[in-house]
Amino acid sequence: MAILKKYTLLFLKILLGIACFLFLWYKLKGQFTPEKVGNLKITLQYSHAVFALVIASILMFPNWLIESYKWQHITSSIEKISFGKAVKGVLSGLCVGNLTPGRFGEFAGRILFFSPHNRSKVSVTHFICGATQLFTTMMFGILCAALWLWNTEEGNSLYIIIFITCCTLLLGLLLVILNIEAVYRKLAHVSFLQRLKLGEVSYPGKTMLQLIGLSVLRYLVFSLQYVLLLQCCGAQANYFELFVPVSVSFMLMSAIPMISFIEVAIRAGIAVILFSPFNSNELLLVTASTLLWLINIVIPSIIGYFVILSSKIKFKELKAQK
C-alpha cells in the first residue's frame, strides 16, 4: 500500500508538471515571433540594453524573496516554518496558480509545506497577504493616475471626483486590512466557513503595517524591473517618467479579472496603450511586457514545479482528535 501511495503521488506530480509546461508553452509560442525576436536582437546590440535586461532578470530574486519573507512572517502565528520552506511554498504556489483563473489556486501550492492540520488556517492567510500587495498596487496606481490625468486634463473636475472616490475606497481597504483580525472573527461565524474549522489566528495592526511596508518594497522592485525592460526595448524616458505609466499599468492588471490564457494579451494591450508615447515600435513594447511575465512568472513557475517534484509532501489530513 505504501508503494502504491508513493507511485500515485509521483504520478500526480508528473501530471502537474506536464499540465504546467503545456500551459506555459501554449502561452509562449505565440509571443516570441521571428519579428519580435529580430527587433529585440537589434535592440540588444547596445550595451545599455543588455545591462538593463541583466539587472531586470537579477531583480527576480529579491522580488520573490521579499514575498517569501512576507509569507513566513504572516504565517508565523499559525506555524513557524524556515525561510527556505517559505520560498518553496511561494514558488510552488506560483506553479499551481498558473492552472487556475486569476491564479486563485495559488494558495493550494503554498500550504503544502505546512502541517496538514494547519493548512485551512494558512489558506486564509494567503488571501490576507495578497490584500496588502493589492492595496499597495492600487495606492501607487491611483496616485500616479491622478498625477497623469492632472497634467493632461488640467484638473478636470470629473477626474477630481473620481480621484476622491478612489482614495476613499483605498482608505476603506486600509482600515479593513489594519483591522483584519476583527473582520476575520466575524467571517469565521459564516456557516460554510465554520465547516473549515479555521480556528483563532492573530493579525495585529502592527503586523499588517509591516506587511504593507514589505509590499511597498517589493512593488518598487518589480516596477523597476518593468522600467528597465522598457528601456531595454527602446523606451526613450528615465525611471521617474516611466514610473507613472508603469504604476497605472499594474493597477489596471490588478483590477481587470485575468483569465490565464489571455493574460499575456491583456498585458501587451495595456503596454501598447500606456507606453506608446515613449516608443513608436509597438512590437518592442509588447516584448517588454512579455519579458516581464517570462522573468517573474514563467521562470519561477518552472523552479516551483521542480520544488514540488523533489519535495516529500504529506497530503493526508490529520484526523481531528476527539
C-alpha atoms as a PDB file:
ATOM      1  CA  MET A   1       0.000   0.000   0.000  1.00  0.00           C
ATOM      2  CA  ALA A   2       2.841   2.395   0.867  1.00  0.00           C
ATOM      3  CA  ILE A   3       4.493   1.719  -2.503  1.00  0.00           C
ATOM      4  CA  LEU A   4       1.165   2.361  -4.280  1.00  0.00           C
ATOM      5  CA  LYS A   5       0.775   5.707  -2.493  1.00  0.00           C
ATOM      6  CA  LYS A   6       4.347   6.640  -3.362  1.00  0.00           C
ATOM      7  CA  TYR A   7       3.878   5.988  -7.072  1.00  0.00           C
ATOM      8  CA  THR A   8       0.423   7.624  -7.086  1.00  0.00           C
ATOM      9  CA  LEU A   9       1.964  10.790  -5.642  1.00  0.00           C
ATOM     10  CA  LEU A  10       4.792  10.658  -8.186  1.00  0.00           C
ATOM     11  CA  PHE A  11       2.241  10.251 -10.997  1.00  0.00           C
ATOM     12  CA  LEU A  12       0.266  13.279  -9.753  1.00  0.00           C
ATOM     13  CA  LYS A  13       3.439  15.373  -9.620  1.00  0.00           C
ATOM     14  CA  ILE A  14       4.402  14.390 -13.158  1.00  0.00           C
ATOM     15  CA  LEU A  15       0.844  15.090 -14.354  1.00  0.00           C
ATOM     16  CA  LEU A  16       1.005  18.534 -12.742  1.00  0.00           C
ATOM     17  CA  GLY A  17       4.313  19.188 -14.456  1.00  0.00           C
ATOM     18  CA  ILE A  18       3.006  18.170 -17.875  1.00  0.00           C
ATOM     19  CA  ALA A  19      -0.050  20.400 -17.430  1.00  0.00           C
ATOM     20  CA  CYS A  20       2.080  23.378 -16.345  1.00  0.00           C
ATOM     21  CA  PHE A  21       4.636  23.008 -19.138  1.00  0.00           C
ATOM     22  CA  LEU A  22       1.935  22.575 -21.803  1.00  0.00           C
ATOM     23  CA  PHE A  23       0.175  25.649 -20.470  1.00  0.00           C
ATOM     24  CA  LEU A  24       3.346  27.759 -20.457  1.00  0.00           C
ATOM     25  CA  TRP A  25       4.294  26.526 -23.936  1.00  0.00           C
ATOM     26  CA  TYR A  26       0.835  27.431 -25.225  1.00  0.00           C
ATOM     27  CA  LYS A  27       1.186  30.964 -23.863  1.00  0.00           C
ATOM     28  CA  LEU A  28       4.743  31.454 -25.073  1.00  0.00           C
ATOM     29  CA  LYS A  29       4.513  30.021 -28.584  1.00  0.00           C
ATOM     30  CA  GLY A  30       2.548  32.989 -29.948  1.00  0.00           C
ATOM     31  CA  GLN A  31       4.590  35.669 -28.207  1.00  0.00           C
ATOM     32  CA  PHE A  32       8.189  35.389 -29.405  1.00  0.00           C
ATOM     33  CA  THR A  33       7.552  35.516 -33.128  1.00  0.00           C
ATOM     34  CA  PRO A  34      10.511  35.873 -35.545  1.00  0.00           C
ATOM     35  CA  GLU A  35       9.604  39.546 -35.982  1.00  0.00           C
ATOM     36  CA  LYS A  36       9.663  40.256 -32.239  1.00  0.00           C
ATOM     37  CA  VAL A  37      12.871  38.312 -31.738  1.00  0.00           C
ATOM     38  CA  GLY A  38      14.506  40.152 -34.654  1.00  0.00           C
ATOM     39  CA  ASN A  39      13.592  43.551 -33.223  1.00  0.00           C
ATOM     40  CA  LEU A  40      14.887  42.526 -29.815  1.00  0.00           C
ATOM     41  CA  LYS A  41      18.204  41.329 -31.290  1.00  0.00           C
ATOM     42  CA  ILE A  42      18.696  44.723 -32.923  1.00  0.00           C
ATOM     43  CA  THR A  43      17.955  46.498 -29.641  1.00  0.00           C
ATOM     44  CA  LEU A  44      20.311  44.236 -27.673  1.00  0.00           C
ATOM     45  CA  GLN A  45      23.235  45.310 -29.827  1.00  0.00           C
ATOM     46  CA  TYR A  46      23.528  48.274 -27.471  1.00  0.00           C
ATOM     47  CA  SER A  47      25.356  47.638 -24.193  1.00  0.00           C
ATOM     48  CA  HIS A  48      22.929  49.702 -22.081  1.00  0.00           C
ATOM     49  CA  ALA A  49      20.041  47.485 -23.261  1.00  0.00           C
ATOM     50  CA  VAL A  50      21.901  44.303 -22.305  1.00  0.00           C
ATOM     51  CA  PHE A  51      22.738  45.816 -18.900  1.00  0.00           C
ATOM     52  CA  ALA A  52      19.077  46.711 -18.305  1.00  0.00           C
ATOM     53  CA  LEU A  53      17.956  43.190 -19.245  1.00  0.00           C
ATOM     54  CA  VAL A  54      20.516  41.566 -16.936  1.00  0.00           C
ATOM     55  CA  ILE A  55      19.592  43.768 -13.954  1.00  0.00           C
ATOM     56  CA  ALA A  56      15.867  43.195 -14.547  1.00  0.00           C
ATOM     57  CA  SER A  57      16.494  39.438 -14.577  1.00  0.00           C
ATOM     58  CA  ILE A  58      18.551  39.559 -11.363  1.00  0.00           C
ATOM     59  CA  LEU A  59      15.775  41.525  -9.625  1.00  0.00           C
ATOM     60  CA  MET A  60      13.574  38.428  -9.968  1.00  0.00           C
ATOM     61  CA  PHE A  61      15.342  37.080  -6.879  1.00  0.00           C
ATOM     62  CA  PRO A  62      14.664  39.967  -4.434  1.00  0.00           C
ATOM     63  CA  ASN A  63      11.128  40.174  -5.834  1.00  0.00           C
ATOM     64  CA  TRP A  64      10.210  36.634  -4.772  1.00  0.00           C
ATOM     65  CA  LEU A  65      12.479  36.572  -1.714  1.00  0.00           C
ATOM     66  CA  ILE A  66      10.603  39.567  -0.279  1.00  0.00           C
ATOM     67  CA  GLU A  67       7.305  37.801  -0.986  1.00  0.00           C
ATOM     68  CA  SER A  68       8.669  34.673   0.720  1.00  0.00           C
ATOM     69  CA  TYR A  69       9.652  36.672   3.807  1.00  0.00           C
ATOM     70  CA  LYS A  70       6.151  38.175   3.895  1.00  0.00           C
ATOM     71  CA  TRP A  71       4.717  34.654   3.710  1.00  0.00           C
ATOM     72  CA  GLN A  72       6.956  33.391   6.517  1.00  0.00           C
ATOM     73  CA  HIS A  73       6.138  36.434   8.652  1.00  0.00           C
ATOM     74  CA  ILE A  74       2.343  36.360   8.350  1.00  0.00           C
ATOM     75  CA  THR A  75       2.066  32.597   8.871  1.00  0.00           C
ATOM     76  CA  SER A  76       4.372  32.543  11.929  1.00  0.00           C
ATOM     77  CA  SER A  77       1.430  32.927  14.328  1.00  0.00           C
ATOM     78  CA  ILE A  78      -0.047  29.673  12.951  1.00  0.00           C
ATOM     79  CA  GLU A  79       3.093  27.608  12.362  1.00  0.00           C
ATOM     80  CA  LYS A  80       6.718  28.640  12.282  1.00  0.00           C
ATOM     81  CA  ILE A  81       8.499  27.489   9.135  1.00  0.00           C
ATOM     82  CA  SER A  82      12.011  28.141   7.880  1.00  0.00           C
ATOM     83  CA  PHE A  83      12.691  30.797   5.259  1.00  0.00           C
ATOM     84  CA  GLY A  84      13.677  28.013   2.863  1.00  0.00           C
ATOM     85  CA  LYS A  85      10.253  26.386   3.239  1.00  0.00           C
ATOM     86  CA  ALA A  86       8.596  29.754   2.734  1.00  0.00           C
ATOM     87  CA  VAL A  87      10.483  30.181  -0.560  1.00  0.00           C
ATOM     88  CA  LYS A  88       9.471  26.665  -1.638  1.00  0.00           C
ATOM     89  CA  GLY A  89       5.849  27.393  -0.772  1.00  0.00           C
ATOM     90  CA  VAL A  90       5.750  30.660  -2.738  1.00  0.00           C
ATOM     91  CA  LEU A  91       7.337  29.091  -5.841  1.00  0.00           C
ATOM     92  CA  SER A  92       5.093  26.017  -5.642  1.00  0.00           C
ATOM     93  CA  GLY A  93       2.056  28.255  -5.310  1.00  0.00           C
ATOM     94  CA  LEU A  94       3.117  30.202  -8.378  1.00  0.00           C
ATOM     95  CA  CYS A  95       3.400  26.956 -10.340  1.00  0.00           C
ATOM     96  CA  VAL A  96      -0.013  25.632  -9.267  1.00  0.00           C
ATOM     97  CA  GLY A  97      -1.653  29.051  -9.614  1.00  0.00           C
ATOM     98  CA  ASN A  98      -0.908  29.137 -13.352  1.00  0.00           C
ATOM     99  CA  LEU A  99      -3.552  26.467 -13.881  1.00  0.00           C
ATOM    100  CA  THR A 100      -6.393  28.497 -12.320  1.00  0.00           C
ATOM    101  CA  PRO A 101      -8.135  31.737 -13.426  1.00  0.00           C
ATOM    102  CA  GLY A 102      -6.547  34.774 -11.829  1.00  0.00           C
ATOM    103  CA  ARG A 103      -4.100  32.420 -10.061  1.00  0.00           C
ATOM    104  CA  PHE A 104      -6.819  31.823  -7.489  1.00  0.00           C
ATOM    105  CA  GLY A 105      -5.438  28.361  -6.769  1.00  0.00           C
ATOM    106  CA  GLU A 106      -2.015  29.684  -5.761  1.00  0.00           C
ATOM    107  CA  PHE A 107      -2.791  29.055  -2.092  1.00  0.00           C
ATOM    108  CA  ALA A 108      -3.026  25.296  -2.807  1.00  0.00           C
ATOM    109  CA  GLY A 109       0.690  25.216  -3.598  1.00  0.00           C
ATOM    110  CA  ARG A 110       1.714  27.482  -0.731  1.00  0.00           C
ATOM    111  CA  ILE A 111       0.059  25.451   2.014  1.00  0.00           C
ATOM    112  CA  LEU A 112       1.785  22.176   1.073  1.00  0.00           C
ATOM    113  CA  PHE A 113       4.768  22.868   3.325  1.00  0.00           C
ATOM    114  CA  PHE A 114       2.680  23.257   6.480  1.00  0.00           C
ATOM    115  CA  SER A 115       1.350  20.566   8.796  1.00  0.00           C
ATOM    116  CA  PRO A 116      -1.912  19.148   7.383  1.00  0.00           C
ATOM    117  CA  HIS A 117      -3.989  20.300  10.364  1.00  0.00           C
ATOM    118  CA  ASN A 118      -2.859  23.939   9.853  1.00  0.00           C
ATOM    119  CA  ARG A 119      -3.485  24.166   6.126  1.00  0.00           C
ATOM    120  CA  SER A 120      -7.043  25.507   6.340  1.00  0.00           C
ATOM    121  CA  LYS A 121      -5.864  28.408   8.536  1.00  0.00           C
ATOM    122  CA  VAL A 122      -2.876  29.097   6.315  1.00  0.00           C
ATOM    123  CA  SER A 123      -5.028  29.170   3.164  1.00  0.00           C
ATOM    124  CA  VAL A 124      -6.927  32.180   4.573  1.00  0.00           C
ATOM    125  CA  THR A 125      -3.609  33.840   5.408  1.00  0.00           C
ATOM    126  CA  HIS A 126      -2.621  33.698   1.729  1.00  0.00           C
ATOM    127  CA  PHE A 127      -5.516  35.959   0.759  1.00  0.00           C
ATOM    128  CA  ILE A 128      -4.746  38.378   3.592  1.00  0.00           C
ATOM    129  CA  CYS A 129      -1.120  38.531   2.439  1.00  0.00           C
ATOM    130  CA  GLY A 130      -2.339  39.203  -1.100  1.00  0.00           C
ATOM    131  CA  ALA A 131      -4.600  42.011   0.121  1.00  0.00           C
ATOM    132  CA  THR A 132      -1.584  44.002   1.363  1.00  0.00           C
ATOM    133  CA  GLN A 133       0.074  43.759  -2.059  1.00  0.00           C
ATOM    134  CA  LEU A 134      -3.193  44.700  -3.775  1.00  0.00           C
ATOM    135  CA  PHE A 135      -3.540  47.739  -1.517  1.00  0.00           C
ATOM    136  CA  THR A 136      -0.011  48.857  -2.386  1.00  0.00           C
ATOM    137  CA  THR A 137      -0.596  48.364  -6.109  1.00  0.00           C
ATOM    138  CA  MET A 138      -3.861  50.312  -6.028  1.00  0.00           C
ATOM    139  CA  MET A 139      -2.338  53.088  -3.897  1.00  0.00           C
ATOM    140  CA  PHE A 140       0.539  53.747  -6.292  1.00  0.00           C
ATOM    141  CA  GLY A 141      -1.757  53.297  -9.285  1.00  0.00           C
ATOM    142  CA  ILE A 142      -4.377  55.780  -8.103  1.00  0.00           C
ATOM    143  CA  LEU A 143      -1.812  58.418  -7.113  1.00  0.00           C
ATOM    144  CA  CYS A 144       0.071  58.089 -10.400  1.00  0.00           C
ATOM    145  CA  ALA A 145      -3.141  58.042 -12.465  1.00  0.00           C
ATOM    146  CA  ALA A 146      -4.257  61.235 -10.720  1.00  0.00           C
ATOM    147  CA  LEU A 147      -0.894  62.883 -11.440  1.00  0.00           C
ATOM    148  CA  TRP A 148      -1.043  61.806 -15.069  1.00  0.00           C
ATOM    149  CA  LEU A 149      -4.630  62.977 -15.615  1.00  0.00           C
ATOM    150  CA  TRP A 150      -3.975  66.257 -13.793  1.00  0.00           C
ATOM    151  CA  ASN A 151      -1.121  67.038 -16.175  1.00  0.00           C
ATOM    152  CA  THR A 152      -3.063  66.061 -19.299  1.00  0.00           C
ATOM    153  CA  GLU A 153      -6.557  67.276 -18.456  1.00  0.00           C
ATOM    154  CA  GLU A 154      -5.707  70.426 -16.483  1.00  0.00           C
ATOM    155  CA  GLY A 155      -7.517  69.342 -13.363  1.00  0.00           C
ATOM    156  CA  ASN A 156     -10.838  68.392 -14.951  1.00  0.00           C
ATOM    157  CA  SER A 157     -13.465  68.329 -12.165  1.00  0.00           C
ATOM    158  CA  LEU A 158     -14.704  64.863 -13.197  1.00  0.00           C
ATOM    159  CA  TYR A 159     -11.257  63.386 -12.610  1.00  0.00           C
ATOM    160  CA  ILE A 160     -11.034  65.126  -9.243  1.00  0.00           C
ATOM    161  CA  ILE A 161     -14.293  63.453  -8.200  1.00  0.00           C
ATOM    162  CA  ILE A 162     -13.031  60.065  -9.428  1.00  0.00           C
ATOM    163  CA  PHE A 163      -9.753  60.570  -7.563  1.00  0.00           C
ATOM    164  CA  ILE A 164     -11.513  61.436  -4.299  1.00  0.00           C
ATOM    165  CA  THR A 165     -13.798  58.404  -4.686  1.00  0.00           C
ATOM    166  CA  CYS A 166     -10.842  56.094  -5.328  1.00  0.00           C
ATOM    167  CA  CYS A 167      -8.941  57.490  -2.337  1.00  0.00           C
ATOM    168  CA  THR A 168     -11.999  56.937  -0.138  1.00  0.00           C
ATOM    169  CA  LEU A 169     -12.234  53.326  -1.272  1.00  0.00           C
ATOM    170  CA  LEU A 170      -8.489  52.938  -0.732  1.00  0.00           C
ATOM    171  CA  LEU A 171      -8.792  54.306   2.803  1.00  0.00           C
ATOM    172  CA  GLY A 172     -11.627  51.852   3.449  1.00  0.00           C
ATOM    173  CA  LEU A 173      -9.445  48.974   2.228  1.00  0.00           C
ATOM    174  CA  LEU A 174      -6.610  50.144   4.507  1.00  0.00           C
ATOM    175  CA  LEU A 175      -8.932  50.209   7.530  1.00  0.00           C
ATOM    176  CA  VAL A 176     -10.121  46.693   6.702  1.00  0.00           C
ATOM    177  CA  ILE A 177      -6.513  45.458   6.404  1.00  0.00           C
ATOM    178  CA  LEU A 178      -5.430  47.054   9.686  1.00  0.00           C
ATOM    179  CA  ASN A 179      -8.468  45.566  11.447  1.00  0.00           C
ATOM    180  CA  ILE A 180      -8.365  42.257   9.602  1.00  0.00           C
ATOM    181  CA  GLU A 181      -8.370  40.306  12.880  1.00  0.00           C
ATOM    182  CA  ALA A 182     -11.825  41.658  13.782  1.00  0.00           C
ATOM    183  CA  VAL A 183     -13.067  41.069  10.229  1.00  0.00           C
ATOM    184  CA  TYR A 184     -11.715  37.516  10.363  1.00  0.00           C
ATOM    185  CA  ARG A 185     -13.581  36.791  13.606  1.00  0.00           C
ATOM    186  CA  LYS A 186     -16.851  37.913  12.023  1.00  0.00           C
ATOM    187  CA  LEU A 187     -16.280  35.879   8.853  1.00  0.00           C
ATOM    188  CA  ALA A 188     -15.436  32.805  10.930  1.00  0.00           C
ATOM    189  CA  HIS A 189     -19.098  32.692  12.030  1.00  0.00           C
ATOM    190  CA  VAL A 190     -20.350  32.338   8.448  1.00  0.00           C
ATOM    191  CA  SER A 191     -21.901  28.869   8.125  1.00  0.00           C
ATOM    192  CA  PHE A 192     -19.834  27.463   5.245  1.00  0.00           C
ATOM    193  CA  LEU A 193     -16.593  28.842   6.746  1.00  0.00           C
ATOM    194  CA  GLN A 194     -17.353  27.190  10.086  1.00  0.00           C
ATOM    195  CA  ARG A 195     -17.095  23.798   8.400  1.00  0.00           C
ATOM    196  CA  LEU A 196     -13.464  24.574   7.517  1.00  0.00           C
ATOM    197  CA  LYS A 197     -12.580  24.818  11.238  1.00  0.00           C
ATOM    198  CA  LEU A 198     -10.303  27.811  10.715  1.00  0.00           C
ATOM    199  CA  GLY A 199      -9.827  28.403  14.431  1.00  0.00           C
ATOM    200  CA  GLU A 200      -8.290  31.501  16.003  1.00  0.00           C
ATOM    201  CA  VAL A 201      -5.412  33.387  14.397  1.00  0.00           C
ATOM    202  CA  SER A 202      -3.636  36.626  15.231  1.00  0.00           C
ATOM    203  CA  TYR A 203      -3.246  39.502  12.760  1.00  0.00           C
ATOM    204  CA  PRO A 204      -2.362  42.584  14.867  1.00  0.00           C
ATOM    205  CA  GLY A 205      -2.282  46.017  13.207  1.00  0.00           C
ATOM    206  CA  LYS A 206       1.497  46.211  13.689  1.00  0.00           C
ATOM    207  CA  THR A 207       1.975  43.022  11.668  1.00  0.00           C
ATOM    208  CA  MET A 208      -0.261  44.313   8.879  1.00  0.00           C
ATOM    209  CA  LEU A 209       1.691  47.596   8.717  1.00  0.00           C
ATOM    210  CA  GLN A 210       4.918  45.590   8.426  1.00  0.00           C
ATOM    211  CA  LEU A 211       3.400  43.584   5.570  1.00  0.00           C
ATOM    212  CA  ILE A 212       2.355  46.776   3.799  1.00  0.00           C
ATOM    213  CA  GLY A 213       5.907  48.093   4.192  1.00  0.00           C
ATOM    214  CA  LEU A 214       7.316  44.908   2.671  1.00  0.00           C
ATOM    215  CA  SER A 215       4.698  45.117  -0.098  1.00  0.00           C
ATOM    216  CA  VAL A 216       5.865  48.647  -0.922  1.00  0.00           C
ATOM    217  CA  LEU A 217       9.475  47.431  -1.084  1.00  0.00           C
ATOM    218  CA  ARG A 218       8.505  44.562  -3.376  1.00  0.00           C
ATOM    219  CA  TYR A 219       6.427  46.927  -5.517  1.00  0.00           C
ATOM    220  CA  LEU A 220       9.432  49.177  -6.061  1.00  0.00           C
ATOM    221  CA  VAL A 221      11.468  46.142  -7.111  1.00  0.00           C
ATOM    222  CA  PHE A 222       9.104  44.837  -9.785  1.00  0.00           C
ATOM    223  CA  SER A 223       8.250  48.340 -11.019  1.00  0.00           C
ATOM    224  CA  LEU A 224      11.987  48.918 -11.503  1.00  0.00           C
ATOM    225  CA  GLN A 225      12.110  45.635 -13.440  1.00  0.00           C
ATOM    226  CA  TYR A 226       9.428  46.868 -15.825  1.00  0.00           C
ATOM    227  CA  VAL A 227      11.117  50.246 -16.297  1.00  0.00           C
ATOM    228  CA  LEU A 228      14.431  48.542 -17.103  1.00  0.00           C
ATOM    229  CA  LEU A 229      12.775  46.203 -19.610  1.00  0.00           C
ATOM    230  CA  LEU A 230      11.006  49.124 -21.285  1.00  0.00           C
ATOM    231  CA  GLN A 231      14.342  50.945 -21.548  1.00  0.00           C
ATOM    232  CA  CYS A 232      15.919  47.745 -22.842  1.00  0.00           C
ATOM    233  CA  CYS A 233      13.267  47.699 -25.586  1.00  0.00           C
ATOM    234  CA  GLY A 234      13.865  51.296 -26.601  1.00  0.00           C
ATOM    235  CA  ALA A 235      11.625  53.430 -24.374  1.00  0.00           C
ATOM    236  CA  GLN A 236      13.017  56.976 -24.525  1.00  0.00           C
ATOM    237  CA  ALA A 237      12.443  58.090 -20.928  1.00  0.00           C
ATOM    238  CA  ASN A 238      14.042  57.908 -17.488  1.00  0.00           C
ATOM    239  CA  TYR A 239      12.863  55.940 -14.442  1.00  0.00           C
ATOM    240  CA  PHE A 240      10.680  58.699 -12.987  1.00  0.00           C
ATOM    241  CA  GLU A 241       8.960  59.412 -16.313  1.00  0.00           C
ATOM    242  CA  LEU A 242       8.162  55.721 -16.800  1.00  0.00           C
ATOM    243  CA  PHE A 243       7.192  55.024 -13.183  1.00  0.00           C
ATOM    244  CA  VAL A 244       3.817  56.800 -13.586  1.00  0.00           C
ATOM    245  CA  PRO A 245       2.505  54.718 -16.541  1.00  0.00           C
ATOM    246  CA  VAL A 246       4.097  51.581 -15.034  1.00  0.00           C
ATOM    247  CA  SER A 247       2.081  52.131 -11.827  1.00  0.00           C
ATOM    248  CA  VAL A 248      -1.094  52.712 -13.826  1.00  0.00           C
ATOM    249  CA  SER A 249      -0.488  49.520 -15.819  1.00  0.00           C
ATOM    250  CA  PHE A 250      -0.018  47.436 -12.651  1.00  0.00           C
ATOM    251  CA  MET A 251      -3.224  48.910 -11.225  1.00  0.00           C
ATOM    252  CA  LEU A 252      -5.159  48.026 -14.375  1.00  0.00           C
ATOM    253  CA  MET A 253      -3.753  44.494 -14.436  1.00  0.00           C
ATOM    254  CA  SER A 254      -4.810  44.046 -10.798  1.00  0.00           C
ATOM    255  CA  ALA A 255      -8.292  45.489 -11.378  1.00  0.00           C
ATOM    256  CA  ILE A 256      -9.105  43.565 -14.580  1.00  0.00           C
ATOM    257  CA  PRO A 257     -10.178  39.964 -13.884  1.00  0.00           C
ATOM    258  CA  MET A 258      -7.485  37.864 -15.542  1.00  0.00           C
ATOM    259  CA  ILE A 259      -8.275  34.654 -17.405  1.00  0.00           C
ATOM    260  CA  SER A 260      -4.988  32.786 -17.618  1.00  0.00           C
ATOM    261  CA  PHE A 261      -4.891  32.031 -21.338  1.00  0.00           C
ATOM    262  CA  ILE A 262      -5.406  35.704 -22.330  1.00  0.00           C
ATOM    263  CA  GLU A 263      -3.307  37.280 -19.568  1.00  0.00           C
ATOM    264  CA  VAL A 264      -0.313  37.946 -21.799  1.00  0.00           C
ATOM    265  CA  ALA A 265      -2.544  39.563 -24.424  1.00  0.00           C
ATOM    266  CA  ILE A 266      -4.073  41.867 -21.806  1.00  0.00           C
ATOM    267  CA  ARG A 267      -0.627  42.825 -20.508  1.00  0.00           C
ATOM    268  CA  ALA A 268       0.535  43.548 -24.061  1.00  0.00           C
ATOM    269  CA  GLY A 269      -2.549  45.627 -24.859  1.00  0.00           C
ATOM    270  CA  ILE A 270      -2.108  47.772 -21.753  1.00  0.00           C
ATOM    271  CA  ALA A 271       1.581  48.250 -22.591  1.00  0.00           C
ATOM    272  CA  VAL A 272       0.807  49.486 -26.111  1.00  0.00           C
ATOM    273  CA  ILE A 273      -1.798  51.969 -24.821  1.00  0.00           C
ATOM    274  CA  LEU A 274       0.248  53.395 -21.945  1.00  0.00           C
ATOM    275  CA  PHE A 275       3.796  53.371 -23.306  1.00  0.00           C
ATOM    276  CA  SER A 276       3.323  54.258 -26.970  1.00  0.00           C
ATOM    277  CA  PRO A 277       4.304  57.927 -26.288  1.00  0.00           C
ATOM    278  CA  PHE A 278       7.764  56.661 -25.254  1.00  0.00           C
ATOM    279  CA  ASN A 279       8.312  54.262 -28.176  1.00  0.00           C
ATOM    280  CA  SER A 280       6.590  54.117 -31.532  1.00  0.00           C
ATOM    281  CA  ASN A 281       7.573  50.457 -32.040  1.00  0.00           C
ATOM    282  CA  GLU A 282       4.620  48.521 -30.617  1.00  0.00           C
ATOM    283  CA  LEU A 283       6.401  45.192 -31.086  1.00  0.00           C
ATOM    284  CA  LEU A 284       9.138  46.209 -28.662  1.00  0.00           C
ATOM    285  CA  LEU A 285       6.562  47.410 -26.117  1.00  0.00           C
ATOM    286  CA  VAL A 286       4.803  44.057 -26.323  1.00  0.00           C
ATOM    287  CA  THR A 287       8.186  42.329 -25.986  1.00  0.00           C
ATOM    288  CA  ALA A 288       8.975  44.292 -22.800  1.00  0.00           C
ATOM    289  CA  SER A 289       5.648  43.248 -21.275  1.00  0.00           C
ATOM    290  CA  THR A 290       6.177  39.613 -22.292  1.00  0.00           C
ATOM    291  CA  LEU A 291       9.727  39.588 -20.907  1.00  0.00           C
ATOM    292  CA  LEU A 292       8.430  40.813 -17.536  1.00  0.00           C
ATOM    293  CA  TRP A 293       5.943  37.929 -17.491  1.00  0.00           C
ATOM    294  CA  LEU A 294       8.661  35.491 -18.571  1.00  0.00           C
ATOM    295  CA  ILE A 295      11.100  36.603 -15.856  1.00  0.00           C
ATOM    296  CA  ASN A 296       8.653  36.984 -12.968  1.00  0.00           C
ATOM    297  CA  ILE A 297       6.151  34.210 -13.702  1.00  0.00           C
ATOM    298  CA  VAL A 298       7.431  31.573 -16.124  1.00  0.00           C
ATOM    299  CA  ILE A 299      10.937  31.006 -14.746  1.00  0.00           C
ATOM    300  CA  PRO A 300       9.847  30.909 -11.053  1.00  0.00           C
ATOM    301  CA  SER A 301       6.940  28.611 -12.021  1.00  0.00           C
ATOM    302  CA  ILE A 302       9.345  26.128 -13.605  1.00  0.00           C
ATOM    303  CA  ILE A 303      11.519  26.240 -10.477  1.00  0.00           C
ATOM    304  CA  GLY A 304       8.347  25.766  -8.403  1.00  0.00           C
ATOM    305  CA  TYR A 305       7.450  22.614 -10.312  1.00  0.00           C
ATOM    306  CA  PHE A 306      10.846  21.047  -9.586  1.00  0.00           C
ATOM    307  CA  VAL A 307      10.392  22.037  -5.929  1.00  0.00           C
ATOM    308  CA  ILE A 308       7.094  20.114  -5.845  1.00  0.00           C
ATOM    309  CA  LEU A 309       8.619  17.178  -7.698  1.00  0.00           C
ATOM    310  CA  SER A 310      11.548  16.880  -5.279  1.00  0.00           C
ATOM    311  CA  SER A 311       9.649  17.525  -2.036  1.00  0.00           C
ATOM    312  CA  LYS A 312       8.206  14.882   0.231  1.00  0.00           C
ATOM    313  CA  ILE A 313       4.784  16.372   0.878  1.00  0.00           C
ATOM    314  CA  LYS A 314       2.163  14.769   3.099  1.00  0.00           C
ATOM    315  CA  PHE A 315      -1.241  15.264   1.520  1.00  0.00           C
ATOM    316  CA  LYS A 316      -3.215  13.201   4.033  1.00  0.00           C
ATOM    317  CA  GLU A 317      -5.169  15.313   6.515  1.00  0.00           C
ATOM    318  CA  LEU A 318      -4.683  14.524  10.179  1.00  0.00           C
ATOM    319  CA  LYS A 319      -7.763  13.183  11.902  1.00  0.00           C
ATOM    320  CA  ALA A 320      -9.337  15.543  14.369  1.00  0.00           C
ATOM    321  CA  GLN A 321      -8.680  14.497  17.916  1.00  0.00           C
ATOM    322  CA  LYS A 322     -11.705  13.624  19.966  1.00  0.00           C
END
